[in-house]
Amino acid sequence: MKKKLNLFCLLIFAVIVCDVLSMSNVFIAGFSSGMRHGAEKRNITETNPCNYCYISLVPEEMSQATAQTITDKAGGKEQQAWPTQLIVPTGERMGVFAAIFKLVYTLAFGVLALAALVAFVCFVRNANKDDIFTRKNIRLLRVVGWCLFAAGTIVTADGFYDIHMARQAFSLGGYVVDYGSAADFTNIIFGLFTLVIAEAFAIGLRMKEEQELTI
């Protein structure tokens, strides 16, 4: 029984870690770029004058009218492609307040993700000690759930903001913006599911306590 529990928990832990790392890639790349510019004493505004955002697109139809021509590097042959994700300039430099907001958002996401992982590890440790239906575990599950839900909400809000900023300066004919890609459904669904499990644990514990009082 414990082997199955540990296996499932390990899989969930791996999924959460992979999702957190994927969300952190953009920040790490931007931070590394900034450090490299600083080490080389280069002016960032000259090499990167605009603020860039990710935008996901869906072609209205798969036709030559919406196709983009690319060159196959291996064979040198031109082919048609339909881009679904682009990095586009917003036409404005990132101001101080926007940079601070990005930093605070990234730190908040990191803190929430770390808190969720620590709480989840503590829950698994308690379960391995046969300490399962307790108020402590219910609190841990609620911490995991609310942290994941909050982290997903933050990422979703930032994604919608990026798309809004990109649309002010960019438009590609024959394509529609895919707003659904901005939503961090993984963390939100994981968070809500964990909150449901926590409530199930709370109901089970309350029924157990009522049974003990009846006896």
C-alpha atoms as a PDB file:
ATOM      1  CA  MET A   1       0.000   0.000   0.000  1.00  0.00           C
ATOM      2  CA  LYS A   2       2.767   2.415   0.970  1.00  0.00           C
ATOM      3  CA  LYS A   3       4.719   1.584  -2.187  1.00  0.00           C
ATOM      4  CA  LYS A   4       1.765   2.633  -4.350  1.00  0.00           C
ATOM      5  CA  LEU A   5       1.275   5.791  -2.284  1.00  0.00           C
ATOM      6  CA  ASN A   6       4.949   6.720  -2.596  1.00  0.00           C
ATOM      7  CA  LEU A   7       4.913   6.010  -6.335  1.00  0.00           C
ATOM      8  CA  PHE A   8       1.893   8.223  -6.968  1.00  0.00           C
ATOM      9  CA  CYS A   9       3.284  10.961  -4.732  1.00  0.00           C
ATOM     10  CA  LEU A  10       6.608  10.797  -6.550  1.00  0.00           C
ATOM     11  CA  LEU A  11       4.847  11.194  -9.892  1.00  0.00           C
ATOM     12  CA  ILE A  12       2.840  14.178  -8.624  1.00  0.00           C
ATOM     13  CA  PHE A  13       5.996  15.723  -7.183  1.00  0.00           C
ATOM     14  CA  ALA A  14       7.802  15.272 -10.515  1.00  0.00           C
ATOM     15  CA  VAL A  15       4.940  16.907 -12.441  1.00  0.00           C
ATOM     16  CA  ILE A  16       4.857  19.887 -10.074  1.00  0.00           C
ATOM     17  CA  VAL A  17       8.642  20.331 -10.252  1.00  0.00           C
ATOM     18  CA  CYS A  18       8.636  20.148 -14.069  1.00  0.00           C
ATOM     19  CA  ASP A  19       5.830  22.693 -14.268  1.00  0.00           C
ATOM     20  CA  VAL A  20       7.610  25.063 -11.882  1.00  0.00           C
ATOM     21  CA  LEU A  21      10.848  24.740 -13.844  1.00  0.00           C
ATOM     22  CA  SER A  22       9.061  25.419 -17.140  1.00  0.00           C
ATOM     23  CA  MET A  23       7.505  28.575 -15.679  1.00  0.00           C
ATOM     24  CA  SER A  24      10.928  29.674 -14.409  1.00  0.00           C
ATOM     25  CA  ASN A  25      12.757  29.280 -17.726  1.00  0.00           C
ATOM     26  CA  VAL A  26      11.764  32.717 -19.012  1.00  0.00           C
ATOM     27  CA  PHE A  27      12.905  34.475 -15.842  1.00  0.00           C
ATOM     28  CA  ILE A  28      16.187  32.575 -15.751  1.00  0.00           C
ATOM     29  CA  ALA A  29      16.871  33.394 -19.406  1.00  0.00           C
ATOM     30  CA  GLY A  30      16.118  37.082 -18.862  1.00  0.00           C
ATOM     31  CA  PHE A  31      18.204  37.240 -15.695  1.00  0.00           C
ATOM     32  CA  SER A  32      21.154  35.518 -17.383  1.00  0.00           C
ATOM     33  CA  SER A  33      20.915  37.883 -20.331  1.00  0.00           C
ATOM     34  CA  GLY A  34      20.934  40.893 -18.014  1.00  0.00           C
ATOM     35  CA  MET A  35      23.941  39.578 -16.087  1.00  0.00           C
ATOM     36  CA  ARG A  36      25.781  38.922 -19.353  1.00  0.00           C
ATOM     37  CA  HIS A  37      25.106  42.444 -20.567  1.00  0.00           C
ATOM     38  CA  GLY A  38      26.313  43.801 -17.240  1.00  0.00           C
ATOM     39  CA  ALA A  39      29.494  41.730 -17.295  1.00  0.00           C
ATOM     40  CA  GLU A  40      30.249  42.913 -20.819  1.00  0.00           C
ATOM     41  CA  LYS A  41      29.372  46.514 -19.846  1.00  0.00           C
ATOM     42  CA  ARG A  42      26.929  46.789 -22.721  1.00  0.00           C
ATOM     43  CA  ASN A  43      23.989  49.132 -22.875  1.00  0.00           C
ATOM     44  CA  ILE A  44      20.837  47.002 -22.723  1.00  0.00           C
ATOM     45  CA  THR A  45      18.687  49.710 -24.282  1.00  0.00           C
ATOM     46  CA  GLU A  46      20.870  49.641 -27.417  1.00  0.00           C
ATOM     47  CA  THR A  47      20.783  45.875 -27.925  1.00  0.00           C
ATOM     48  CA  ASN A  48      17.242  45.332 -26.646  1.00  0.00           C
ATOM     49  CA  PRO A  49      15.327  48.612 -26.999  1.00  0.00           C
ATOM     50  CA  CYS A  50      11.851  47.131 -26.569  1.00  0.00           C
ATOM     51  CA  ASN A  51      10.032  44.983 -24.096  1.00  0.00           C
ATOM     52  CA  TYR A  52       9.165  41.547 -25.530  1.00  0.00           C
ATOM     53  CA  CYS A  53       6.158  39.331 -24.808  1.00  0.00           C
ATOM     54  CA  TYR A  54       5.033  35.845 -25.718  1.00  0.00           C
ATOM     55  CA  ILE A  55       1.878  35.531 -27.794  1.00  0.00           C
ATOM     56  CA  SER A  56       0.136  32.331 -28.927  1.00  0.00           C
ATOM     57  CA  LEU A  57      -1.781  32.289 -32.202  1.00  0.00           C
ATOM     58  CA  VAL A  58      -4.167  29.968 -34.012  1.00  0.00           C
ATOM     59  CA  PRO A  59      -4.531  30.197 -37.823  1.00  0.00           C
ATOM     60  CA  GLU A  60      -8.074  30.826 -39.017  1.00  0.00           C
ATOM     61  CA  GLU A  61      -7.441  28.240 -41.740  1.00  0.00           C
ATOM     62  CA  MET A  62      -4.548  26.070 -42.872  1.00  0.00           C
ATOM     63  CA  SER A  63      -4.029  27.655 -46.279  1.00  0.00           C
ATOM     64  CA  GLN A  64      -1.350  29.453 -48.291  1.00  0.00           C
ATOM     65  CA  ALA A  65      -2.871  32.775 -47.245  1.00  0.00           C
ATOM     66  CA  THR A  66      -1.927  32.169 -43.601  1.00  0.00           C
ATOM     67  CA  ALA A  67       1.263  30.173 -44.204  1.00  0.00           C
ATOM     68  CA  GLN A  68       4.715  31.563 -43.518  1.00  0.00           C
ATOM     69  CA  THR A  69       7.690  30.490 -45.631  1.00  0.00           C
ATOM     70  CA  ILE A  70      10.662  28.980 -43.806  1.00  0.00           C
ATOM     71  CA  THR A  71      13.864  27.388 -45.046  1.00  0.00           C
ATOM     72  CA  ASP A  72      14.832  23.874 -44.056  1.00  0.00           C
ATOM     73  CA  LYS A  73      18.392  24.229 -42.799  1.00  0.00           C
ATOM     74  CA  ALA A  74      19.300  20.619 -43.547  1.00  0.00           C
ATOM     75  CA  GLY A  75      18.213  20.532 -47.202  1.00  0.00           C
ATOM     76  CA  GLY A  76      17.958  24.240 -47.991  1.00  0.00           C
ATOM     77  CA  LYS A  77      14.371  23.685 -49.128  1.00  0.00           C
ATOM     78  CA  GLU A  78      11.651  26.245 -48.538  1.00  0.00           C
ATOM     79  CA  GLN A  79       8.554  24.983 -46.748  1.00  0.00           C
ATOM     80  CA  GLN A  80       5.275  26.395 -45.517  1.00  0.00           C
ATOM     81  CA  ALA A  81       4.627  26.645 -41.795  1.00  0.00           C
ATOM     82  CA  TRP A  82       1.921  28.036 -39.544  1.00  0.00           C
ATOM     83  CA  PRO A  83       3.466  29.633 -36.425  1.00  0.00           C
ATOM     84  CA  THR A  84       1.488  29.217 -33.223  1.00  0.00           C
ATOM     85  CA  GLN A  85       3.789  31.007 -30.756  1.00  0.00           C
ATOM     86  CA  LEU A  86       5.867  34.128 -31.268  1.00  0.00           C
ATOM     87  CA  ILE A  87       7.995  36.523 -29.241  1.00  0.00           C
ATOM     88  CA  VAL A  88       6.972  40.005 -30.299  1.00  0.00           C
ATOM     89  CA  PRO A  89       8.062  43.526 -29.278  1.00  0.00           C
ATOM     90  CA  THR A  90       5.483  45.635 -27.480  1.00  0.00           C
ATOM     91  CA  GLY A  91       6.996  48.821 -28.898  1.00  0.00           C
ATOM     92  CA  GLU A  92       7.797  50.177 -25.459  1.00  0.00           C
ATOM     93  CA  ARG A  93      10.762  49.906 -23.160  1.00  0.00           C
ATOM     94  CA  MET A  94      10.153  48.192 -19.862  1.00  0.00           C
ATOM     95  CA  GLY A  95       9.817  50.884 -17.222  1.00  0.00           C
ATOM     96  CA  VAL A  96      11.032  50.709 -13.647  1.00  0.00           C
ATOM     97  CA  PHE A  97       7.598  49.871 -12.240  1.00  0.00           C
ATOM     98  CA  ALA A  98       7.043  47.136 -14.841  1.00  0.00           C
ATOM     99  CA  ALA A  99      10.453  45.640 -14.031  1.00  0.00           C
ATOM    100  CA  ILE A 100       9.681  45.723 -10.293  1.00  0.00           C
ATOM    101  CA  PHE A 101       6.293  44.099 -10.935  1.00  0.00           C
ATOM    102  CA  LYS A 102       7.942  41.319 -12.961  1.00  0.00           C
ATOM    103  CA  LEU A 103      10.477  40.721 -10.207  1.00  0.00           C
ATOM    104  CA  VAL A 104       7.827  40.670  -7.447  1.00  0.00           C
ATOM    105  CA  TYR A 105       5.620  38.369  -9.530  1.00  0.00           C
ATOM    106  CA  THR A 106       8.516  35.968 -10.140  1.00  0.00           C
ATOM    107  CA  LEU A 107       9.534  35.933  -6.475  1.00  0.00           C
ATOM    108  CA  ALA A 108       5.922  35.405  -5.378  1.00  0.00           C
ATOM    109  CA  PHE A 109       5.574  32.485  -7.775  1.00  0.00           C
ATOM    110  CA  GLY A 110       8.836  30.974  -6.495  1.00  0.00           C
ATOM    111  CA  VAL A 111       7.809  31.307  -2.829  1.00  0.00           C
ATOM    112  CA  LEU A 112       4.375  29.780  -3.464  1.00  0.00           C
ATOM    113  CA  ALA A 113       5.829  26.902  -5.473  1.00  0.00           C
ATOM    114  CA  LEU A 114       8.471  26.191  -2.808  1.00  0.00           C
ATOM    115  CA  ALA A 115       5.872  26.297  -0.009  1.00  0.00           C
ATOM    116  CA  ALA A 116       3.665  23.852  -1.934  1.00  0.00           C
ATOM    117  CA  LEU A 117       6.554  21.434  -2.489  1.00  0.00           C
ATOM    118  CA  VAL A 118       7.660  21.552   1.166  1.00  0.00           C
ATOM    119  CA  ALA A 119       4.105  21.018   2.433  1.00  0.00           C
ATOM    120  CA  PHE A 120       3.610  18.121   0.014  1.00  0.00           C
ATOM    121  CA  VAL A 121       6.855  16.439   1.152  1.00  0.00           C
ATOM    122  CA  CYS A 122       5.779  16.840   4.793  1.00  0.00           C
ATOM    123  CA  PHE A 123       2.406  15.257   3.994  1.00  0.00           C
ATOM    124  CA  VAL A 124       4.073  12.256   2.315  1.00  0.00           C
ATOM    125  CA  ARG A 125       6.434  11.868   5.275  1.00  0.00           C
ATOM    126  CA  ASN A 126       3.499  11.830   7.721  1.00  0.00           C
ATOM    127  CA  ALA A 127       1.614   9.313   5.567  1.00  0.00           C
ATOM    128  CA  ASN A 128       4.618   6.977   5.625  1.00  0.00           C
ATOM    129  CA  LYS A 129       4.489   7.134   9.437  1.00  0.00           C
ATOM    130  CA  ASP A 130       0.817   6.005   9.362  1.00  0.00           C
ATOM    131  CA  ASP A 131      -0.141   9.495  10.508  1.00  0.00           C
ATOM    132  CA  ILE A 132      -2.762  10.236   7.852  1.00  0.00           C
ATOM    133  CA  PHE A 133      -6.176  11.460   9.010  1.00  0.00           C
ATOM    134  CA  THR A 134      -5.006  14.308  11.239  1.00  0.00           C
ATOM    135  CA  ARG A 135      -5.620  18.045  11.361  1.00  0.00           C
ATOM    136  CA  LYS A 136      -1.935  18.608  10.642  1.00  0.00           C
ATOM    137  CA  ASN A 137      -2.204  16.773   7.330  1.00  0.00           C
ATOM    138  CA  ILE A 138      -5.379  18.649   6.436  1.00  0.00           C
ATOM    139  CA  ARG A 139      -3.527  21.929   6.970  1.00  0.00           C
ATOM    140  CA  LEU A 140      -0.638  20.690   4.832  1.00  0.00           C
ATOM    141  CA  LEU A 141      -2.975  19.714   2.005  1.00  0.00           C
ATOM    142  CA  ARG A 142      -4.689  23.094   2.193  1.00  0.00           C
ATOM    143  CA  VAL A 143      -1.326  24.840   2.020  1.00  0.00           C
ATOM    144  CA  VAL A 144      -0.431  22.808  -1.080  1.00  0.00           C
ATOM    145  CA  GLY A 145      -3.809  23.513  -2.686  1.00  0.00           C
ATOM    146  CA  TRP A 146      -3.947  27.252  -2.043  1.00  0.00           C
ATOM    147  CA  CYS A 147      -0.282  27.778  -2.990  1.00  0.00           C
ATOM    148  CA  LEU A 148      -0.702  25.970  -6.303  1.00  0.00           C
ATOM    149  CA  PHE A 149      -3.959  27.773  -7.019  1.00  0.00           C
ATOM    150  CA  ALA A 150      -2.407  31.160  -6.210  1.00  0.00           C
ATOM    151  CA  ALA A 151       0.703  30.397  -8.294  1.00  0.00           C
ATOM    152  CA  GLY A 152      -1.456  29.378 -11.254  1.00  0.00           C
ATOM    153  CA  THR A 153      -3.563  32.517 -10.900  1.00  0.00           C
ATOM    154  CA  ILE A 154      -0.462  34.736 -10.862  1.00  0.00           C
ATOM    155  CA  VAL A 155       0.957  33.085 -13.980  1.00  0.00           C
ATOM    156  CA  THR A 156      -2.423  33.340 -15.737  1.00  0.00           C
ATOM    157  CA  ALA A 157      -2.789  37.036 -14.906  1.00  0.00           C
ATOM    158  CA  ASP A 158       0.726  37.743 -16.168  1.00  0.00           C
ATOM    159  CA  GLY A 159       0.043  35.768 -19.356  1.00  0.00           C
ATOM    160  CA  PHE A 160      -3.116  37.753 -20.117  1.00  0.00           C
ATOM    161  CA  TYR A 161      -1.247  41.000 -19.423  1.00  0.00           C
ATOM    162  CA  ASP A 162       1.519  39.994 -21.862  1.00  0.00           C
ATOM    163  CA  ILE A 163      -1.025  39.151 -24.552  1.00  0.00           C
ATOM    164  CA  HIS A 164      -2.826  42.455 -23.998  1.00  0.00           C
ATOM    165  CA  MET A 165       0.437  44.399 -24.324  1.00  0.00           C
ATOM    166  CA  ALA A 166       1.480  42.440 -27.412  1.00  0.00           C
ATOM    167  CA  ARG A 167      -1.842  43.048 -29.162  1.00  0.00           C
ATOM    168  CA  GLN A 168      -1.367  46.796 -28.844  1.00  0.00           C
ATOM    169  CA  ALA A 169       1.648  46.666 -31.167  1.00  0.00           C
ATOM    170  CA  PHE A 170       1.295  43.443 -33.143  1.00  0.00           C
ATOM    171  CA  SER A 171      -1.290  41.861 -35.440  1.00  0.00           C
ATOM    172  CA  LEU A 172      -0.879  38.979 -37.882  1.00  0.00           C
ATOM    173  CA  GLY A 173      -3.523  38.660 -40.602  1.00  0.00           C
ATOM    174  CA  GLY A 174      -5.367  35.345 -40.765  1.00  0.00           C
ATOM    175  CA  TYR A 175      -4.555  34.455 -37.148  1.00  0.00           C
ATOM    176  CA  VAL A 176      -6.499  34.773 -33.895  1.00  0.00           C
ATOM    177  CA  VAL A 177      -4.968  35.141 -30.463  1.00  0.00           C
ATOM    178  CA  ASP A 178      -5.127  32.011 -28.316  1.00  0.00           C
ATOM    179  CA  TYR A 179      -5.980  33.387 -24.871  1.00  0.00           C
ATOM    180  CA  GLY A 180      -6.367  29.887 -23.472  1.00  0.00           C
ATOM    181  CA  SER A 181      -2.614  29.322 -23.699  1.00  0.00           C
ATOM    182  CA  ALA A 182      -2.070  32.106 -21.154  1.00  0.00           C
ATOM    183  CA  ALA A 183      -3.911  30.164 -18.454  1.00  0.00           C
ATOM    184  CA  ASP A 184      -1.817  27.967 -16.168  1.00  0.00           C
ATOM    185  CA  PHE A 185      -4.400  25.180 -15.967  1.00  0.00           C
ATOM    186  CA  THR A 186      -1.930  22.666 -14.518  1.00  0.00           C
ATOM    187  CA  ASN A 187      -1.314  24.473 -11.232  1.00  0.00           C
ATOM    188  CA  ILE A 188      -4.918  25.695 -10.928  1.00  0.00           C
ATOM    189  CA  ILE A 189      -6.404  22.210 -11.425  1.00  0.00           C
ATOM    190  CA  PHE A 190      -3.813  20.599  -9.147  1.00  0.00           C
ATOM    191  CA  GLY A 191      -4.588  23.226  -6.504  1.00  0.00           C
ATOM    192  CA  LEU A 192      -8.357  22.785  -6.674  1.00  0.00           C
ATOM    193  CA  PHE A 193      -8.036  18.991  -6.675  1.00  0.00           C
ATOM    194  CA  THR A 194      -5.804  19.130  -3.581  1.00  0.00           C
ATOM    195  CA  LEU A 195      -8.321  21.390  -1.814  1.00  0.00           C
ATOM    196  CA  VAL A 196     -11.060  18.850  -2.581  1.00  0.00           C
ATOM    197  CA  ILE A 197      -8.894  16.079  -1.091  1.00  0.00           C
ATOM    198  CA  ALA A 198      -8.263  18.246   1.986  1.00  0.00           C
ATOM    199  CA  GLU A 199     -12.014  18.732   2.491  1.00  0.00           C
ATOM    200  CA  ALA A 200     -12.555  14.975   2.094  1.00  0.00           C
ATOM    201  CA  PHE A 201      -9.908  14.401   4.785  1.00  0.00           C
ATOM    202  CA  ALA A 202     -11.639  16.955   7.032  1.00  0.00           C
ATOM    203  CA  ILE A 203     -15.020  15.245   6.605  1.00  0.00           C
ATOM    204  CA  GLY A 204     -13.474  11.840   7.307  1.00  0.00           C
ATOM    205  CA  LEU A 205     -11.726  13.136  10.434  1.00  0.00           C
ATOM    206  CA  ARG A 206     -14.928  14.770  11.712  1.00  0.00           C
ATOM    207  CA  MET A 207     -16.879  11.532  11.195  1.00  0.00           C
ATOM    208  CA  LYS A 208     -14.160   9.606  13.019  1.00  0.00           C
ATOM    209  CA  GLU A 209     -14.271  12.022  15.970  1.00  0.00           C
ATOM    210  CA  GLU A 210     -18.084  11.835  16.126  1.00  0.00           C
ATOM    211  CA  GLN A 211     -17.909   8.020  16.136  1.00  0.00           C
ATOM    212  CA  GLU A 212     -15.401   8.060  18.992  1.00  0.00           C
ATOM    213  CA  LEU A 213     -17.635  10.404  21.018  1.00  0.00           C
ATOM    214  CA  THR A 214     -20.662   8.166  20.374  1.00  0.00           C
ATOM    215  CA  ILE A 215     -18.799   5.087  21.599  1.00  0.00           C
END
